[in-house]
PDB file of N, CA and C in Angstrom:
ATOM      1  N   MET A   1       3.070   6.252 -10.639  1.00  0.00           N
ATOM      2  CA  MET A   1       1.761   5.646 -10.417  1.00  0.00           C
ATOM      3  C   MET A   1       1.825   4.792  -9.149  1.00  0.00           C
ATOM      4  N   ARG A   2       0.765   4.827  -8.390  1.00  0.00           N
ATOM      5  CA  ARG A   2       0.708   4.030  -7.164  1.00  0.00           C
ATOM      6  C   ARG A   2       0.612   2.553  -7.515  1.00  0.00           C
ATOM      7  N   ILE A   3       1.191   1.736  -6.658  1.00  0.00           N
ATOM      8  CA  ILE A   3       1.218   0.286  -6.884  1.00  0.00           C
ATOM      9  C   ILE A   3      -0.199  -0.290  -6.966  1.00  0.00           C
ATOM     10  N   GLU A   4      -1.111   0.251  -6.167  1.00  0.00           N
ATOM     11  CA  GLU A   4      -2.486  -0.247  -6.172  1.00  0.00           C
ATOM     12  C   GLU A   4      -3.124  -0.068  -7.549  1.00  0.00           C
ATOM     13  N   LEU A   5      -2.888   1.088  -8.172  1.00  0.00           N
ATOM     14  CA  LEU A   5      -3.440   1.357  -9.501  1.00  0.00           C
ATOM     15  C   LEU A   5      -2.776   0.482 -10.552  1.00  0.00           C
ATOM     16  N   GLU A   6      -1.481   0.301 -10.409  1.00  0.00           N
ATOM     17  CA  GLU A   6      -0.751  -0.556 -11.342  1.00  0.00           C
ATOM     18  C   GLU A   6      -1.295  -1.986 -11.311  1.00  0.00           C
ATOM     19  N   VAL A   7      -1.461  -2.499 -10.109  1.00  0.00           N
ATOM     20  CA  VAL A   7      -1.978  -3.866  -9.942  1.00  0.00           C
ATOM     21  C   VAL A   7      -3.395  -3.966 -10.494  1.00  0.00           C
ATOM     22  N   ALA A   8      -4.228  -2.986 -10.199  1.00  0.00           N
ATOM     23  CA  ALA A   8      -5.614  -3.003 -10.672  1.00  0.00           C
ATOM     24  C   ALA A   8      -5.680  -2.977 -12.198  1.00  0.00           C
ATOM     25  N   LEU A   9      -4.865  -2.148 -12.821  1.00  0.00           N
ATOM     26  CA  LEU A   9      -4.868  -2.075 -14.282  1.00  0.00           C
ATOM     27  C   LEU A   9      -4.373  -3.373 -14.899  1.00  0.00           C
ATOM     28  N   TYR A  10      -3.361  -3.977 -14.310  1.00  0.00           N
ATOM     29  CA  TYR A  10      -2.875  -5.268 -14.798  1.00  0.00           C
ATOM     30  C   TYR A  10      -3.966  -6.333 -14.645  1.00  0.00           C
ATOM     31  N   TYR A  11      -4.589  -6.342 -13.486  1.00  0.00           N
ATOM     32  CA  TYR A  11      -5.648  -7.301 -13.165  1.00  0.00           C
ATOM     33  C   TYR A  11      -6.776  -7.238 -14.194  1.00  0.00           C
ATOM     34  N   LEU A  12      -7.161  -6.021 -14.570  1.00  0.00           N
ATOM     35  CA  LEU A  12      -8.261  -5.845 -15.507  1.00  0.00           C
ATOM     36  C   LEU A  12      -7.843  -6.100 -16.956  1.00  0.00           C
ATOM     37  N   THR A  13      -6.708  -5.585 -17.363  1.00  0.00           N
ATOM     38  CA  THR A  13      -6.317  -5.720 -18.771  1.00  0.00           C
ATOM     39  C   THR A  13      -5.976  -7.157 -19.138  1.00  0.00           C
ATOM     40  N   HIS A  14      -5.391  -7.903 -18.189  1.00  0.00           N
ATOM     41  CA  HIS A  14      -5.024  -9.290 -18.466  1.00  0.00           C
ATOM     42  C   HIS A  14      -6.074 -10.292 -17.982  1.00  0.00           C
ATOM     43  N   LYS A  15      -7.142  -9.764 -17.352  1.00  0.00           N
ATOM     44  CA  LYS A  15      -8.190 -10.621 -16.776  1.00  0.00           C
ATOM     45  C   LYS A  15      -7.557 -11.738 -15.947  1.00  0.00           C
ATOM     46  N   SER A  16      -6.617 -11.344 -15.136  1.00  0.00           N
ATOM     47  CA  SER A  16      -5.868 -12.316 -14.346  1.00  0.00           C
ATOM     48  C   SER A  16      -6.518 -12.546 -12.988  1.00  0.00           C
ATOM     49  N   THR A  17      -5.873 -13.391 -12.213  1.00  0.00           N
ATOM     50  CA  THR A  17      -6.342 -13.691 -10.861  1.00  0.00           C
ATOM     51  C   THR A  17      -5.424 -13.007  -9.862  1.00  0.00           C
ATOM     52  N   VAL A  18      -5.826 -13.007  -8.610  1.00  0.00           N
ATOM     53  CA  VAL A  18      -5.003 -12.435  -7.555  1.00  0.00           C
ATOM     54  C   VAL A  18      -3.673 -13.196  -7.485  1.00  0.00           C
ATOM     55  N   ARG A  19      -3.743 -14.497  -7.636  1.00  0.00           N
ATOM     56  CA  ARG A  19      -2.537 -15.334  -7.588  1.00  0.00           C
ATOM     57  C   ARG A  19      -1.563 -14.965  -8.708  1.00  0.00           C
ATOM     58  N   GLU A  20      -2.081 -14.749  -9.914  1.00  0.00           N
ATOM     59  CA  GLU A  20      -1.220 -14.373 -11.042  1.00  0.00           C
ATOM     60  C   GLU A  20      -0.608 -12.996 -10.821  1.00  0.00           C
ATOM     61  N   CYS A  21      -1.384 -12.063 -10.302  1.00  0.00           N
ATOM     62  CA  CYS A  21      -0.850 -10.727  -9.995  1.00  0.00           C
ATOM     63  C   CYS A  21       0.247 -10.812  -8.930  1.00  0.00           C
ATOM     64  N   ALA A  22       0.042 -11.667  -7.956  1.00  0.00           N
ATOM     65  CA  ALA A  22       1.039 -11.826  -6.895  1.00  0.00           C
ATOM     66  C   ALA A  22       2.368 -12.302  -7.478  1.00  0.00           C
ATOM     67  N   LEU A  23       2.316 -13.209  -8.436  1.00  0.00           N
ATOM     68  CA  LEU A  23       3.548 -13.688  -9.070  1.00  0.00           C
ATOM     69  C   LEU A  23       4.219 -12.586  -9.879  1.00  0.00           C
ATOM     70  N   ILE A  24       3.441 -11.843 -10.650  1.00  0.00           N
ATOM     71  CA  ILE A  24       3.980 -10.787 -11.498  1.00  0.00           C
ATOM     72  C   ILE A  24       4.602  -9.668 -10.665  1.00  0.00           C
ATOM     73  N   PHE A  25       3.917  -9.242  -9.624  1.00  0.00           N
ATOM     74  CA  PHE A  25       4.373  -8.106  -8.816  1.00  0.00           C
ATOM     75  C   PHE A  25       5.236  -8.532  -7.626  1.00  0.00           C
ATOM     76  N   GLN A  26       5.472  -9.828  -7.493  1.00  0.00           N
ATOM     77  CA  GLN A  26       6.312 -10.390  -6.424  1.00  0.00           C
ATOM     78  C   GLN A  26       5.867  -9.927  -5.040  1.00  0.00           C
ATOM     79  N   LYS A  27       4.556 -10.054  -4.827  1.00  0.00           N
ATOM     80  CA  LYS A  27       3.942  -9.751  -3.530  1.00  0.00           C
ATOM     81  C   LYS A  27       3.121 -10.964  -3.126  1.00  0.00           C
ATOM     82  N   SER A  28       2.702 -10.996  -1.879  1.00  0.00           N
ATOM     83  CA  SER A  28       1.860 -12.107  -1.433  1.00  0.00           C
ATOM     84  C   SER A  28       0.429 -11.909  -1.941  1.00  0.00           C
ATOM     85  N   LYS A  29      -0.317 -13.013  -1.972  1.00  0.00           N
ATOM     86  CA  LYS A  29      -1.715 -12.940  -2.416  1.00  0.00           C
ATOM     87  C   LYS A  29      -2.517 -12.010  -1.505  1.00  0.00           C
ATOM     88  N   SER A  30      -2.249 -12.053  -0.216  1.00  0.00           N
ATOM     89  CA  SER A  30      -3.011 -11.208   0.706  1.00  0.00           C
ATOM     90  C   SER A  30      -2.702  -9.726   0.484  1.00  0.00           C
ATOM     91  N   THR A  31      -1.462  -9.402   0.127  1.00  0.00           N
ATOM     92  CA  THR A  31      -1.100  -8.012  -0.159  1.00  0.00           C
ATOM     93  C   THR A  31      -1.826  -7.534  -1.410  1.00  0.00           C
ATOM     94  N   ILE A  32      -1.830  -8.355  -2.456  1.00  0.00           N
ATOM     95  CA  ILE A  32      -2.528  -8.000  -3.691  1.00  0.00           C
ATOM     96  C   ILE A  32      -4.023  -7.843  -3.415  1.00  0.00           C
ATOM     97  N   HIS A  33      -4.578  -8.742  -2.626  1.00  0.00           N
ATOM     98  CA  HIS A  33      -5.996  -8.659  -2.272  1.00  0.00           C
ATOM     99  C   HIS A  33      -6.291  -7.349  -1.545  1.00  0.00           C
ATOM    100  N   ASN A  34      -5.430  -6.962  -0.626  1.00  0.00           N
ATOM    101  CA  ASN A  34      -5.615  -5.691   0.086  1.00  0.00           C
ATOM    102  C   ASN A  34      -5.523  -4.506  -0.866  1.00  0.00           C
ATOM    103  N   TYR A  35      -4.584  -4.555  -1.794  1.00  0.00           N
ATOM    104  CA  TYR A  35      -4.471  -3.488  -2.791  1.00  0.00           C
ATOM    105  C   TYR A  35      -5.772  -3.348  -3.569  1.00  0.00           C
ATOM    106  N   LEU A  36      -6.315  -4.476  -4.014  1.00  0.00           N
ATOM    107  CA  LEU A  36      -7.474  -4.456  -4.907  1.00  0.00           C
ATOM    108  C   LEU A  36      -8.796  -4.211  -4.200  1.00  0.00           C
ATOM    109  N   HIS A  37      -8.909  -4.591  -2.941  1.00  0.00           N
ATOM    110  CA  HIS A  37     -10.214  -4.534  -2.289  1.00  0.00           C
ATOM    111  C   HIS A  37     -10.315  -3.524  -1.150  1.00  0.00           C
ATOM    112  N   LYS A  38      -9.232  -3.167  -0.551  1.00  0.00           N
ATOM    113  CA  LYS A  38      -9.317  -2.214   0.556  1.00  0.00           C
ATOM    114  C   LYS A  38      -8.774  -0.842   0.155  1.00  0.00           C
ATOM    115  N   ARG A  39      -7.539  -0.799  -0.316  1.00  0.00           N
ATOM    116  CA  ARG A  39      -6.918   0.481  -0.645  1.00  0.00           C
ATOM    117  C   ARG A  39      -7.515   1.113  -1.892  1.00  0.00           C
ATOM    118  N   LEU A  40      -7.766   0.308  -2.914  1.00  0.00           N
ATOM    119  CA  LEU A  40      -8.273   0.829  -4.181  1.00  0.00           C
ATOM    120  C   LEU A  40      -9.637   1.492  -4.004  1.00  0.00           C
ATOM    121  N   LYS A  41     -10.444   0.970  -3.101  1.00  0.00           N
ATOM    122  CA  LYS A  41     -11.770   1.530  -2.841  1.00  0.00           C
ATOM    123  C   LYS A  41     -11.672   2.991  -2.403  1.00  0.00           C
ATOM    124  N   LYS A  42     -10.637   3.315  -1.644  1.00  0.00           N
ATOM    125  CA  LYS A  42     -10.429   4.689  -1.165  1.00  0.00           C
ATOM    126  C   LYS A  42      -9.761   5.567  -2.226  1.00  0.00           C
ATOM    127  N   ILE A  43      -8.890   4.965  -3.020  1.00  0.00           N
ATOM    128  CA  ILE A  43      -8.105   5.724  -3.996  1.00  0.00           C
ATOM    129  C   ILE A  43      -8.922   6.048  -5.249  1.00  0.00           C
ATOM    130  N   ASN A  44      -9.595   5.029  -5.797  1.00  0.00           N
ATOM    131  CA  ASN A  44     -10.306   5.196  -7.066  1.00  0.00           C
ATOM    132  C   ASN A  44     -11.558   4.310  -7.069  1.00  0.00           C
ATOM    133  N   PRO A  45     -12.679   4.838  -6.570  1.00  0.00           N
ATOM    134  CA  PRO A  45     -13.901   4.039  -6.464  1.00  0.00           C
ATOM    135  C   PRO A  45     -14.419   3.475  -7.794  1.00  0.00           C
ATOM    136  N   LYS A  46     -14.254   4.214  -8.888  1.00  0.00           N
ATOM    137  CA  LYS A  46     -14.730   3.730 -10.190  1.00  0.00           C
ATOM    138  C   LYS A  46     -13.936   2.511 -10.635  1.00  0.00           C
ATOM    139  N   LEU A  47     -12.631   2.574 -10.477  1.00  0.00           N
ATOM    140  CA  LEU A  47     -11.773   1.448 -10.834  1.00  0.00           C
ATOM    141  C   LEU A  47     -12.045   0.262  -9.907  1.00  0.00           C
ATOM    142  N   TYR A  48     -12.324   0.564  -8.651  1.00  0.00           N
ATOM    143  CA  TYR A  48     -12.654  -0.488  -7.678  1.00  0.00           C
ATOM    144  C   TYR A  48     -13.884  -1.281  -8.129  1.00  0.00           C
ATOM    145  N   LYS A  49     -14.888  -0.588  -8.660  1.00  0.00           N
ATOM    146  CA  LYS A  49     -16.098  -1.279  -9.115  1.00  0.00           C
ATOM    147  C   LYS A  49     -15.786  -2.236 -10.266  1.00  0.00           C
ATOM    148  N   LYS A  50     -14.924  -1.812 -11.175  1.00  0.00           N
ATOM    149  CA  LYS A  50     -14.530  -2.678 -12.291  1.00  0.00           C
ATOM    150  C   LYS A  50     -13.768  -3.899 -11.790  1.00  0.00           C
ATOM    151  N   VAL A  51     -12.879  -3.668 -10.831  1.00  0.00           N
ATOM    152  CA  VAL A  51     -12.106  -4.768 -10.245  1.00  0.00           C
ATOM    153  C   VAL A  51     -13.037  -5.735  -9.526  1.00  0.00           C
ATOM    154  N   SER A  52     -14.044  -5.212  -8.855  1.00  0.00           N
ATOM    155  CA  SER A  52     -14.993  -6.067  -8.141  1.00  0.00           C
ATOM    156  C   SER A  52     -15.755  -6.980  -9.093  1.00  0.00           C
ATOM    157  N   VAL A  53     -16.099  -6.469 -10.264  1.00  0.00           N
ATOM    158  CA  VAL A  53     -16.800  -7.284 -11.257  1.00  0.00           C
ATOM    159  C   VAL A  53     -15.891  -8.421 -11.715  1.00  0.00           C
ATOM    160  N   GLN A  54     -14.624  -8.098 -12.019  1.00  0.00           N
ATOM    161  CA  GLN A  54     -13.670  -9.126 -12.448  1.00  0.00           C
ATOM    162  C   GLN A  54     -13.434 -10.142 -11.332  1.00  0.00           C
ATOM    163  N   ALA A  55     -13.350  -9.675 -10.098  1.00  0.00           N
ATOM    164  CA  ALA A  55     -13.144 -10.572  -8.963  1.00  0.00           C
ATOM    165  C   ALA A  55     -14.323 -11.535  -8.815  1.00  0.00           C
ATOM    166  N   GLN A  56     -15.533 -11.035  -9.027  1.00  0.00           N
ATOM    167  CA  GLN A  56     -16.715 -11.894  -8.938  1.00  0.00           C
ATOM    168  C   GLN A  56     -16.715 -12.937 -10.049  1.00  0.00           C
ATOM    169  N   LEU A  57     -16.298 -12.550 -11.248  1.00  0.00           N
ATOM    170  CA  LEU A  57     -16.185 -13.513 -12.347  1.00  0.00           C
ATOM    171  C   LEU A  57     -15.177 -14.605 -12.004  1.00  0.00           C
ATOM    172  N   ASN A  58     -14.030 -14.192 -11.456  1.00  0.00           N
ATOM    173  CA  ASN A  58     -13.010 -15.165 -11.053  1.00  0.00           C
ATOM    174  C   ASN A  58     -13.552 -16.091  -9.973  1.00  0.00           C
ATOM    175  N   PHE A  59     -14.284 -15.528  -9.038  1.00  0.00           N
ATOM    176  CA  PHE A  59     -14.849 -16.332  -7.953  1.00  0.00           C
ATOM    177  C   PHE A  59     -15.840 -17.358  -8.502  1.00  0.00           C
ATOM    178  N   ASN A  60     -16.644 -16.929  -9.473  1.00  0.00           N
ATOM    179  CA  ASN A  60     -17.639 -17.839 -10.056  1.00  0.00           C
ATOM    180  C   ASN A  60     -16.986 -18.957 -10.853  1.00  0.00           C
ATOM    181  N   LYS A  61     -15.799 -18.734 -11.407  1.00  0.00           N
ATOM    182  CA  LYS A  61     -15.094 -19.749 -12.199  1.00  0.00           C
ATOM    183  C   LYS A  61     -14.219 -20.662 -11.343  1.00  0.00           C
ATOM    184  N   LYS A  62     -14.005 -20.275 -10.102  1.00  0.00           N
ATOM    185  CA  LYS A  62     -13.050 -20.980  -9.242  1.00  0.00           C
ATOM    186  C   LYS A  62     -13.363 -22.471  -9.109  1.00  0.00           C
ATOM    187  N   HIS A  63     -14.606 -22.819  -8.895  1.00  0.00           N
ATOM    188  CA  HIS A  63     -14.960 -24.229  -8.707  1.00  0.00           C
ATOM    189  C   HIS A  63     -14.759 -25.029  -9.987  1.00  0.00           C
ATOM    190  N   LEU A  64     -14.874 -24.384 -11.142  1.00  0.00           N
ATOM    191  CA  LEU A  64     -14.650 -25.085 -12.404  1.00  0.00           C
ATOM    192  C   LEU A  64     -13.184 -25.448 -12.588  1.00  0.00           C
ATOM    193  N   LYS A  65     -12.305 -24.502 -12.263  1.00  0.00           N
ATOM    194  CA  LYS A  65     -10.867 -24.762 -12.373  1.00  0.00           C
ATOM    195  C   LYS A  65     -10.446 -25.867 -11.413  1.00  0.00           C
ATOM    196  N   GLY A  66     -10.934 -25.789 -10.200  1.00  0.00           N
ATOM    197  CA  GLY A  66     -10.597 -26.802  -9.202  1.00  0.00           C
ATOM    198  C   GLY A  66     -11.090 -28.180  -9.611  1.00  0.00           C
ATOM    199  N   GLY A  67     -12.290 -28.239 -10.160  1.00  0.00           N
ATOM    200  CA  GLY A  67     -12.858 -29.515 -10.596  1.00  0.00           C
ATOM    201  C   GLY A  67     -12.067 -30.118 -11.742  1.00  0.00           C
ATOM    202  N   ALA A  68     -11.634 -29.288 -12.678  1.00  0.00           N
ATOM    203  CA  ALA A  68     -10.852 -29.773 -13.816  1.00  0.00           C
ATOM    204  C   ALA A  68      -9.491 -30.295 -13.355  1.00  0.00           C
ATOM    205  N   THR A  69      -8.879 -29.611 -12.428  1.00  0.00           N
ATOM    206  CA  THR A  69      -7.586 -30.033 -11.902  1.00  0.00           C
ATOM    207  C   THR A  69      -7.704 -31.363 -11.169  1.00  0.00           C
ATOM    208  N   THR A  70      -8.741 -31.504 -10.360  1.00  0.00           N
ATOM    209  CA  THR A  70      -8.958 -32.752  -9.630  1.00  0.00           C
ATOM    210  C   THR A  70      -9.217 -33.901 -10.592  1.00  0.00           C
ATOM    211  N   LYS A  71      -9.982 -33.633 -11.628  1.00  0.00           N
ATOM    212  CA  LYS A  71     -10.266 -34.666 -12.624  1.00  0.00           C
ATOM    213  C   LYS A  71      -8.976 -35.150 -13.279  1.00  0.00           C
ATOM    214  N   LEU A  72      -8.117 -34.215 -13.669  1.00  0.00           N
ATOM    215  CA  LEU A  72      -6.832 -34.583 -14.277  1.00  0.00           C
ATOM    216  C   LEU A  72      -5.962 -35.367 -13.305  1.00  0.00           C
ATOM    217  N   LYS A  73      -5.969 -34.944 -12.074  1.00  0.00           N
ATOM    218  CA  LYS A  73      -5.165 -35.611 -11.050  1.00  0.00           C
ATOM    219  C   LYS A  73      -5.567 -37.073 -10.917  1.00  0.00           C
ATOM    220  N   HIS A  74      -6.852 -37.342 -10.852  1.00  0.00           N
ATOM    221  CA  HIS A  74      -7.339 -38.706 -10.676  1.00  0.00           C
ATOM    222  C   HIS A  74      -7.289 -39.512 -11.970  1.00  0.00           C
ATOM    223  N   GLN A  75      -7.352 -38.827 -13.082  1.00  0.00           N
ATOM    224  CA  GLN A  75      -7.307 -39.500 -14.374  1.00  0.00           C
ATOM    225  C   GLN A  75      -5.942 -40.137 -14.618  1.00  0.00           C
ATOM    226  N   TYR A  76      -4.893 -39.471 -14.158  1.00  0.00           N
ATOM    227  CA  TYR A  76      -3.547 -39.957 -14.412  1.00  0.00           C
ATOM    228  C   TYR A  76      -2.890 -40.621 -13.196  1.00  0.00           C
ATOM    229  N   SER A  77      -3.653 -40.825 -12.139  1.00  0.00           N
ATOM    230  CA  SER A  77      -3.075 -41.474 -10.957  1.00  0.00           C
ATOM    231  C   SER A  77      -2.925 -42.982 -11.222  1.00  0.00           C
ATOM    232  N   LEU A  78      -2.035 -43.593 -10.487  1.00  0.00           N
ATOM    233  CA  LEU A  78      -1.749 -45.012 -10.680  1.00  0.00           C
ATOM    234  C   LEU A  78      -2.697 -45.925  -9.918  1.00  0.00           C
ATOM    235  N   PHE A  79      -3.562 -45.343  -9.111  1.00  0.00           N
ATOM    236  CA  PHE A  79      -4.446 -46.160  -8.294  1.00  0.00           C
ATOM    237  C   PHE A  79      -5.638 -46.634  -9.042  1.00  0.00           C
TER     238      PHE A  79
END
């Protein structure tokens, strides 16, 4: 199986992020992003559409995760 398909299937089944896939597959975030958004579109357009939906969900949640992390950071700071 091609690495792009492997990454895409992992991304969808685990509902993970590009960063998590990069850790699992020991590749950089930009490489994983290229696999999911550039190469996959040419290899398997149907799977690409599913990945795009998951990517949009992750993008929409991004500000929530960042806000929660910042809140925790300031909550436990000594200042």
